[in-house]
Structure formats: structure tokens, C-alpha cells
Amino acid sequence: MSGTDIKVKDFRTWHATVPATVAVAVTIDEARATEASMRARPSGPR
């Protein structure tokens, strides 16, 4: 129909790739937020 040779395997691969990419992006964002909050805390005795 579109002239593109797409197989079922392509859909399965895409179905796994999208959630994995989102999970990595969320993990990176959380790591950056944690690192930033740790830098914002005063260090040393109170």
C-alpha cells in the first residue's frame, strides 16, 4: 500500500523500543534531579 516493506517483526521491535526509550529518558531525568538536589544541599556541620 505505502510501498514500504514492513513486517510483523518491525512492529514487535517498535513496540519494545518505544517503552525502553521512555524508561531510559525518565531514569536520566530522575538522576539529574537527584544530582541537582544533592548539590543544592548545604554540606558540612549544622
N, C-alpha and C. Protein backbone atom coordinates (compact mmCIF):
# COMPACT_ATOMS: atom_id res chain seq x y z
N MET A 1 0.82 -1.18 0.00
CA MET A 1 0.00 0.00 0.00
C MET A 1 0.88 1.26 0.00
N SER A 2 1.84 1.35 0.94
CA SER A 2 2.68 2.54 1.02
C SER A 2 3.99 2.38 0.26
N GLY A 3 4.23 1.19 -0.24
CA GLY A 3 5.47 0.92 -0.94
C GLY A 3 6.62 0.58 0.00
N THR A 4 6.34 0.53 1.29
CA THR A 4 7.36 0.20 2.29
C THR A 4 7.19 -1.25 2.70
N ASP A 5 8.31 -1.95 2.77
CA ASP A 5 8.28 -3.37 3.15
C ASP A 5 8.33 -3.47 4.67
N ILE A 6 7.17 -3.56 5.30
CA ILE A 6 7.07 -3.64 6.76
C ILE A 6 6.55 -5.02 7.14
N LYS A 7 7.23 -5.62 8.08
CA LYS A 7 6.86 -6.96 8.54
C LYS A 7 6.39 -6.90 9.99
N VAL A 8 5.80 -7.98 10.45
CA VAL A 8 5.31 -8.06 11.83
C VAL A 8 6.46 -7.83 12.81
N LYS A 9 7.64 -8.34 12.50
CA LYS A 9 8.81 -8.17 13.37
C LYS A 9 9.09 -6.68 13.60
N ASP A 10 8.90 -5.86 12.58
CA ASP A 10 9.12 -4.42 12.73
C ASP A 10 8.19 -3.82 13.78
N PHE A 11 6.96 -4.26 13.81
CA PHE A 11 6.01 -3.77 14.80
C PHE A 11 6.38 -4.24 16.20
N ARG A 12 6.82 -5.50 16.31
CA ARG A 12 7.24 -6.02 17.61
C ARG A 12 8.46 -5.26 18.12
N THR A 13 9.41 -4.99 17.24
CA THR A 13 10.61 -4.25 17.63
C THR A 13 10.24 -2.84 18.07
N TRP A 14 9.38 -2.18 17.31
CA TRP A 14 8.95 -0.82 17.65
C TRP A 14 8.21 -0.82 18.99
N HIS A 15 7.38 -1.83 19.20
CA HIS A 15 6.59 -1.92 20.43
C HIS A 15 7.51 -2.04 21.65
N ALA A 16 8.67 -2.65 21.51
CA ALA A 16 9.62 -2.77 22.63
C ALA A 16 10.54 -1.57 22.72
N THR A 17 10.86 -0.96 21.60
CA THR A 17 11.81 0.15 21.59
C THR A 17 11.24 1.41 22.22
N VAL A 18 10.01 1.71 21.94
CA VAL A 18 9.41 2.95 22.45
C VAL A 18 9.36 2.96 23.98
N PRO A 19 8.83 1.93 24.65
CA PRO A 19 8.83 1.95 26.12
C PRO A 19 10.24 1.95 26.71
N ALA A 20 11.16 1.26 26.07
CA ALA A 20 12.54 1.24 26.58
C ALA A 20 13.16 2.64 26.50
N THR A 21 12.91 3.34 25.41
CA THR A 21 13.44 4.69 25.25
C THR A 21 12.85 5.63 26.29
N VAL A 22 11.56 5.51 26.53
CA VAL A 22 10.91 6.34 27.55
C VAL A 22 11.48 6.04 28.92
N ALA A 23 11.69 4.78 29.24
CA ALA A 23 12.24 4.39 30.54
C ALA A 23 13.63 4.97 30.74
N VAL A 24 14.45 4.93 29.72
CA VAL A 24 15.80 5.49 29.83
C VAL A 24 15.73 7.00 30.03
N ALA A 25 14.87 7.67 29.29
CA ALA A 25 14.74 9.12 29.42
C ALA A 25 14.27 9.51 30.82
N VAL A 26 13.32 8.78 31.36
CA VAL A 26 12.81 9.07 32.71
C VAL A 26 13.91 8.83 33.74
N THR A 27 14.66 7.77 33.59
CA THR A 27 15.73 7.45 34.52
C THR A 27 16.80 8.54 34.50
N ILE A 28 17.15 9.02 33.32
CA ILE A 28 18.16 10.09 33.20
C ILE A 28 17.64 11.36 33.86
N ASP A 29 16.38 11.70 33.62
CA ASP A 29 15.80 12.90 34.25
C ASP A 29 15.80 12.79 35.77
N GLU A 30 15.46 11.62 36.30
CA GLU A 30 15.46 11.42 37.75
C GLU A 30 16.87 11.52 38.31
N ALA A 31 17.83 10.97 37.61
CA ALA A 31 19.22 11.04 38.07
C ALA A 31 19.70 12.49 38.09
N ARG A 32 19.35 13.24 37.08
CA ARG A 32 19.75 14.66 37.05
C ARG A 32 19.08 15.43 38.18
N ALA A 33 17.81 15.16 38.43
CA ALA A 33 17.10 15.86 39.50
C ALA A 33 17.71 15.52 40.86
N THR A 34 18.06 14.27 41.06
CA THR A 34 18.67 13.84 42.33
C THR A 34 20.04 14.51 42.50
N GLU A 35 20.81 14.53 41.43
CA GLU A 35 22.13 15.14 41.49
C GLU A 35 22.01 16.64 41.79
N ALA A 36 21.07 17.30 41.17
CA ALA A 36 20.87 18.73 41.40
C ALA A 36 20.43 19.00 42.83
N SER A 37 19.55 18.18 43.37
CA SER A 37 19.09 18.40 44.74
C SER A 37 20.22 18.13 45.73
N MET A 38 21.10 17.20 45.42
CA MET A 38 22.22 16.92 46.31
C MET A 38 23.21 18.09 46.29
N ARG A 39 23.39 18.71 45.14
CA ARG A 39 24.29 19.86 45.04
C ARG A 39 23.70 21.08 45.77
N ALA A 40 22.39 21.17 45.82
CA ALA A 40 21.72 22.32 46.44
C ALA A 40 21.76 22.25 47.97
N ARG A 41 21.98 21.06 48.51
CA ARG A 41 22.02 20.90 49.97
C ARG A 41 23.33 21.46 50.50
N PRO A 42 23.24 22.14 51.63
CA PRO A 42 24.48 22.62 52.24
C PRO A 42 25.27 21.44 52.80
N SER A 43 26.56 21.49 52.62
CA SER A 43 27.38 20.40 53.17
C SER A 43 28.12 20.92 54.40
N GLY A 44 28.45 20.05 55.28
CA GLY A 44 29.15 20.43 56.49
C GLY A 44 28.25 20.40 57.70
N PRO A 45 28.82 20.70 58.85
CA PRO A 45 28.04 20.64 60.10
C PRO A 45 26.97 21.73 60.16
N ARG A 46 25.92 21.41 60.87
CA ARG A 46 24.82 22.37 61.02
C ARG A 46 24.88 23.07 62.33
